[in-house]
Amino acid sequence: MGSATDTLDQKNPDAAFTTVPIEITVAVGRARPLVRDLLQLEEGSVLVLDKRVEDPVELLVGDHLIGTGILEIAESGEQHGQLSVRLIDVNDFGKSGG
């Protein structure tokens, strides 16, 4: 006889992966310096990015864009004062059921 877990896994084989932590990268912008400029970087150097402060940031898992958001400071709870992202768009991956 199979256990309840075996039955659950047969109904939804992806269920086992839902508890695996995943790293999300928040990209605020990109810089494209020349190699000679890169080699001259030192403490205090400034890299100008291709985005403005008010522009949305990109949320990535690996190279896959999963959404966009706005940078904020957490205002309550244990994370008070921490940098956070308020999601404004989330890609609809994996929700079609097909």
N, C-alpha and C. Protein backbone atom coordinates (compact mmCIF):
# COMPACT_ATOMS: atom_id res chain seq x y z
N MET A 1 0.83 -1.19 0.00
CA MET A 1 0.00 0.00 0.00
C MET A 1 0.87 1.24 0.00
N GLY A 2 0.48 2.23 -0.80
CA GLY A 2 1.22 3.48 -0.87
C GLY A 2 0.81 4.43 0.23
N SER A 3 1.72 5.31 0.59
CA SER A 3 1.41 6.30 1.62
C SER A 3 0.62 7.45 1.02
N ALA A 4 0.14 8.34 1.89
CA ALA A 4 -0.59 9.52 1.42
C ALA A 4 0.32 10.40 0.58
N THR A 5 1.60 10.43 0.93
CA THR A 5 2.55 11.23 0.15
C THR A 5 2.70 10.68 -1.25
N ASP A 6 2.74 9.35 -1.38
CA ASP A 6 2.83 8.73 -2.71
C ASP A 6 1.62 9.11 -3.55
N THR A 7 0.44 9.08 -2.93
CA THR A 7 -0.79 9.43 -3.65
C THR A 7 -0.75 10.88 -4.09
N LEU A 8 -0.31 11.78 -3.20
CA LEU A 8 -0.21 13.20 -3.53
C LEU A 8 0.75 13.41 -4.69
N ASP A 9 1.90 12.73 -4.64
CA ASP A 9 2.90 12.89 -5.70
C ASP A 9 2.40 12.36 -7.03
N GLN A 10 1.55 11.34 -7.02
CA GLN A 10 0.99 10.82 -8.27
C GLN A 10 0.00 11.82 -8.86
N LYS A 11 -0.75 12.51 -8.02
CA LYS A 11 -1.72 13.49 -8.50
C LYS A 11 -1.03 14.76 -8.99
N ASN A 12 0.04 15.17 -8.32
CA ASN A 12 0.78 16.37 -8.68
C ASN A 12 2.27 16.10 -8.52
N PRO A 13 2.92 15.55 -9.55
CA PRO A 13 4.33 15.19 -9.43
C PRO A 13 5.25 16.38 -9.17
N ASP A 14 4.80 17.61 -9.46
CA ASP A 14 5.63 18.79 -9.22
C ASP A 14 5.58 19.26 -7.77
N ALA A 15 4.69 18.69 -6.96
CA ALA A 15 4.50 19.14 -5.58
C ALA A 15 5.79 19.06 -4.77
N ALA A 16 6.63 18.10 -5.03
CA ALA A 16 7.88 17.95 -4.28
C ALA A 16 8.81 19.14 -4.47
N PHE A 17 8.69 19.85 -5.57
CA PHE A 17 9.59 20.96 -5.85
C PHE A 17 9.13 22.28 -5.25
N THR A 18 7.91 22.34 -4.72
CA THR A 18 7.39 23.61 -4.23
C THR A 18 8.06 24.09 -2.96
N THR A 19 8.79 23.23 -2.25
CA THR A 19 9.47 23.63 -1.02
C THR A 19 10.96 23.89 -1.23
N VAL A 20 11.43 23.82 -2.45
CA VAL A 20 12.84 24.08 -2.75
C VAL A 20 13.06 25.59 -2.87
N PRO A 21 14.01 26.15 -2.10
CA PRO A 21 14.27 27.59 -2.22
C PRO A 21 14.85 27.93 -3.59
N ILE A 22 14.53 29.12 -4.07
CA ILE A 22 15.02 29.57 -5.37
C ILE A 22 15.54 31.00 -5.23
N GLU A 23 16.61 31.30 -5.92
CA GLU A 23 17.20 32.64 -5.84
C GLU A 23 16.65 33.52 -6.94
N ILE A 24 16.17 34.70 -6.55
CA ILE A 24 15.69 35.69 -7.51
C ILE A 24 16.68 36.85 -7.51
N THR A 25 17.15 37.22 -8.68
CA THR A 25 18.05 38.36 -8.84
C THR A 25 17.23 39.58 -9.22
N VAL A 26 17.49 40.70 -8.56
CA VAL A 26 16.83 41.95 -8.90
C VAL A 26 17.85 42.82 -9.61
N ALA A 27 17.60 43.08 -10.90
CA ALA A 27 18.53 43.85 -11.72
C ALA A 27 18.07 45.30 -11.78
N VAL A 28 18.90 46.19 -11.27
CA VAL A 28 18.55 47.62 -11.28
C VAL A 28 19.02 48.31 -12.54
N GLY A 29 19.90 47.69 -13.30
CA GLY A 29 20.38 48.28 -14.54
C GLY A 29 21.68 47.63 -14.97
N ARG A 30 22.16 48.05 -16.12
CA ARG A 30 23.39 47.48 -16.65
C ARG A 30 24.33 48.61 -17.08
N ALA A 31 25.62 48.34 -16.94
CA ALA A 31 26.65 49.26 -17.42
C ALA A 31 27.46 48.53 -18.48
N ARG A 32 27.92 49.25 -19.49
CA ARG A 32 28.72 48.64 -20.55
C ARG A 32 30.01 49.45 -20.77
N PRO A 33 30.91 49.39 -19.79
CA PRO A 33 32.16 50.13 -19.96
C PRO A 33 33.08 49.41 -20.94
N LEU A 34 34.00 50.15 -21.48
CA LEU A 34 35.06 49.55 -22.29
C LEU A 34 35.99 48.78 -21.35
N VAL A 35 36.68 47.79 -21.88
CA VAL A 35 37.59 47.00 -21.05
C VAL A 35 38.63 47.90 -20.39
N ARG A 36 39.15 48.87 -21.12
CA ARG A 36 40.18 49.75 -20.53
C ARG A 36 39.60 50.54 -19.36
N ASP A 37 38.31 50.93 -19.45
CA ASP A 37 37.68 51.64 -18.34
C ASP A 37 37.44 50.71 -17.16
N LEU A 38 37.07 49.46 -17.45
CA LEU A 38 36.86 48.47 -16.41
C LEU A 38 38.15 48.23 -15.63
N LEU A 39 39.26 48.16 -16.33
CA LEU A 39 40.56 47.91 -15.69
C LEU A 39 41.01 49.07 -14.82
N GLN A 40 40.44 50.25 -15.04
CA GLN A 40 40.81 51.43 -14.26
C GLN A 40 39.89 51.70 -13.08
N LEU A 41 38.88 50.83 -12.88
CA LEU A 41 37.96 51.04 -11.76
C LEU A 41 38.69 50.92 -10.43
N GLU A 42 38.31 51.78 -9.51
CA GLU A 42 38.87 51.75 -8.17
C GLU A 42 37.80 52.24 -7.20
N GLU A 43 38.09 52.14 -5.93
CA GLU A 43 37.14 52.61 -4.93
C GLU A 43 36.79 54.07 -5.20
N GLY A 44 35.51 54.37 -5.24
CA GLY A 44 35.05 55.73 -5.53
C GLY A 44 34.67 55.95 -6.98
N SER A 45 35.02 55.00 -7.87
CA SER A 45 34.62 55.11 -9.28
C SER A 45 33.10 55.01 -9.38
N VAL A 46 32.53 55.60 -10.42
CA VAL A 46 31.08 55.59 -10.63
C VAL A 46 30.78 54.91 -11.95
N LEU A 47 29.88 53.94 -11.93
CA LEU A 47 29.38 53.30 -13.15
C LEU A 47 27.99 53.85 -13.42
N VAL A 48 27.79 54.43 -14.58
CA VAL A 48 26.48 54.94 -14.96
C VAL A 48 25.69 53.79 -15.57
N LEU A 49 24.48 53.57 -15.07
CA LEU A 49 23.63 52.48 -15.54
C LEU A 49 22.70 52.97 -16.64
N ASP A 50 22.07 52.01 -17.32
CA ASP A 50 21.17 52.33 -18.42
C ASP A 50 19.74 52.62 -17.95
N LYS A 51 19.54 52.77 -16.64
CA LYS A 51 18.20 53.04 -16.09
C LYS A 51 18.25 54.25 -15.17
N ARG A 52 17.06 54.82 -14.97
CA ARG A 52 16.91 55.93 -14.03
C ARG A 52 16.44 55.36 -12.70
N VAL A 53 16.59 56.12 -11.63
CA VAL A 53 16.21 55.67 -10.29
C VAL A 53 14.75 55.27 -10.23
N GLU A 54 13.88 55.98 -10.94
CA GLU A 54 12.44 55.71 -10.87
C GLU A 54 11.98 54.58 -11.80
N ASP A 55 12.86 54.05 -12.64
CA ASP A 55 12.50 52.98 -13.57
C ASP A 55 12.26 51.66 -12.81
N PRO A 56 11.34 50.82 -13.32
CA PRO A 56 11.14 49.50 -12.71
C PRO A 56 12.41 48.66 -12.79
N VAL A 57 12.56 47.76 -11.82
CA VAL A 57 13.67 46.81 -11.81
C VAL A 57 13.18 45.48 -12.37
N GLU A 58 14.10 44.66 -12.84
CA GLU A 58 13.75 43.35 -13.40
C GLU A 58 14.01 42.26 -12.37
N LEU A 59 13.09 41.30 -12.28
CA LEU A 59 13.26 40.14 -11.42
C LEU A 59 13.59 38.95 -12.31
N LEU A 60 14.71 38.29 -12.02
CA LEU A 60 15.19 37.20 -12.86
C LEU A 60 15.45 35.95 -12.03
N VAL A 61 15.10 34.81 -12.61
CA VAL A 61 15.53 33.51 -12.10
C VAL A 61 16.44 32.95 -13.19
N GLY A 62 17.73 32.89 -12.89
CA GLY A 62 18.70 32.58 -13.94
C GLY A 62 18.65 33.69 -14.97
N ASP A 63 18.46 33.33 -16.22
CA ASP A 63 18.34 34.31 -17.29
C ASP A 63 16.90 34.61 -17.66
N HIS A 64 15.94 34.06 -16.90
CA HIS A 64 14.53 34.19 -17.24
C HIS A 64 13.89 35.34 -16.48
N LEU A 65 13.34 36.30 -17.22
CA LEU A 65 12.62 37.42 -16.63
C LEU A 65 11.29 36.90 -16.08
N ILE A 66 11.07 37.06 -14.78
CA ILE A 66 9.82 36.58 -14.18
C ILE A 66 8.88 37.72 -13.80
N GLY A 67 9.37 38.96 -13.85
CA GLY A 67 8.50 40.08 -13.52
C GLY A 67 9.29 41.36 -13.36
N THR A 68 8.57 42.42 -13.02
CA THR A 68 9.19 43.72 -12.76
C THR A 68 8.60 44.29 -11.48
N GLY A 69 9.32 45.24 -10.91
CA GLY A 69 8.85 45.85 -9.67
C GLY A 69 9.50 47.19 -9.42
N ILE A 70 9.10 47.80 -8.32
CA ILE A 70 9.60 49.10 -7.90
C ILE A 70 10.35 48.91 -6.58
N LEU A 71 11.55 49.48 -6.47
CA LEU A 71 12.30 49.40 -5.23
C LEU A 71 11.62 50.22 -4.15
N GLU A 72 11.56 49.66 -2.94
CA GLU A 72 10.98 50.34 -1.79
C GLU A 72 11.80 49.98 -0.55
N ILE A 73 11.51 50.68 0.54
CA ILE A 73 12.07 50.34 1.84
C ILE A 73 10.94 49.72 2.66
N ALA A 74 11.16 48.53 3.21
CA ALA A 74 10.15 47.89 4.05
C ALA A 74 9.90 48.77 5.27
N GLU A 75 8.61 48.99 5.59
CA GLU A 75 8.27 49.95 6.64
C GLU A 75 7.74 49.32 7.92
N SER A 76 7.55 48.00 7.94
CA SER A 76 7.03 47.40 9.16
C SER A 76 7.56 45.98 9.32
N GLY A 77 7.35 45.43 10.49
CA GLY A 77 7.74 44.06 10.75
C GLY A 77 9.24 43.88 10.95
N GLU A 78 9.67 42.63 10.90
CA GLU A 78 11.08 42.30 11.12
C GLU A 78 11.99 42.88 10.05
N GLN A 79 11.45 43.10 8.85
CA GLN A 79 12.27 43.59 7.75
C GLN A 79 12.29 45.12 7.67
N HIS A 80 11.80 45.81 8.69
CA HIS A 80 11.76 47.27 8.68
C HIS A 80 13.12 47.84 8.28
N GLY A 81 13.10 48.74 7.31
CA GLY A 81 14.32 49.39 6.85
C GLY A 81 15.07 48.64 5.76
N GLN A 82 14.64 47.43 5.44
CA GLN A 82 15.32 46.65 4.40
C GLN A 82 14.83 47.04 3.02
N LEU A 83 15.72 46.97 2.06
CA LEU A 83 15.36 47.20 0.67
C LEU A 83 14.44 46.08 0.22
N SER A 84 13.37 46.44 -0.49
CA SER A 84 12.40 45.45 -0.95
C SER A 84 11.90 45.84 -2.34
N VAL A 85 11.13 44.95 -2.95
CA VAL A 85 10.59 45.18 -4.29
C VAL A 85 9.08 44.98 -4.27
N ARG A 86 8.33 45.99 -4.71
CA ARG A 86 6.88 45.85 -4.87
C ARG A 86 6.63 45.43 -6.31
N LEU A 87 6.04 44.25 -6.50
CA LEU A 87 5.82 43.72 -7.84
C LEU A 87 4.75 44.52 -8.58
N ILE A 88 5.05 44.87 -9.83
CA ILE A 88 4.06 45.56 -10.66
C ILE A 88 3.65 44.71 -11.85
N ASP A 89 4.44 43.68 -12.14
CA ASP A 89 4.09 42.77 -13.24
C ASP A 89 4.76 41.43 -12.96
N VAL A 90 3.98 40.35 -13.08
CA VAL A 90 4.51 39.00 -12.88
C VAL A 90 4.14 38.18 -14.10
N ASN A 91 5.14 37.54 -14.70
CA ASN A 91 4.88 36.69 -15.87
C ASN A 91 3.99 35.53 -15.48
N ASP A 92 3.14 35.12 -16.38
CA ASP A 92 2.15 34.07 -16.14
C ASP A 92 2.72 32.70 -16.52
N PHE A 93 3.89 32.36 -15.99
CA PHE A 93 4.52 31.08 -16.32
C PHE A 93 3.94 29.98 -15.45
N GLY A 94 3.67 28.85 -16.07
CA GLY A 94 3.24 27.67 -15.33
C GLY A 94 1.84 27.70 -14.76
N LYS A 95 1.03 28.71 -15.07
CA LYS A 95 -0.31 28.79 -14.50
C LYS A 95 -1.40 28.34 -15.46
N SER A 96 -1.03 27.96 -16.68
CA SER A 96 -2.04 27.60 -17.67
C SER A 96 -2.61 26.20 -17.43
N GLY A 97 -1.90 25.41 -16.61
CA GLY A 97 -2.38 24.07 -16.33
C GLY A 97 -2.11 23.08 -17.44
N GLY A 98 -1.44 23.52 -18.51
CA GLY A 98 -1.18 22.63 -19.64
C GLY A 98 0.19 22.22 -19.69
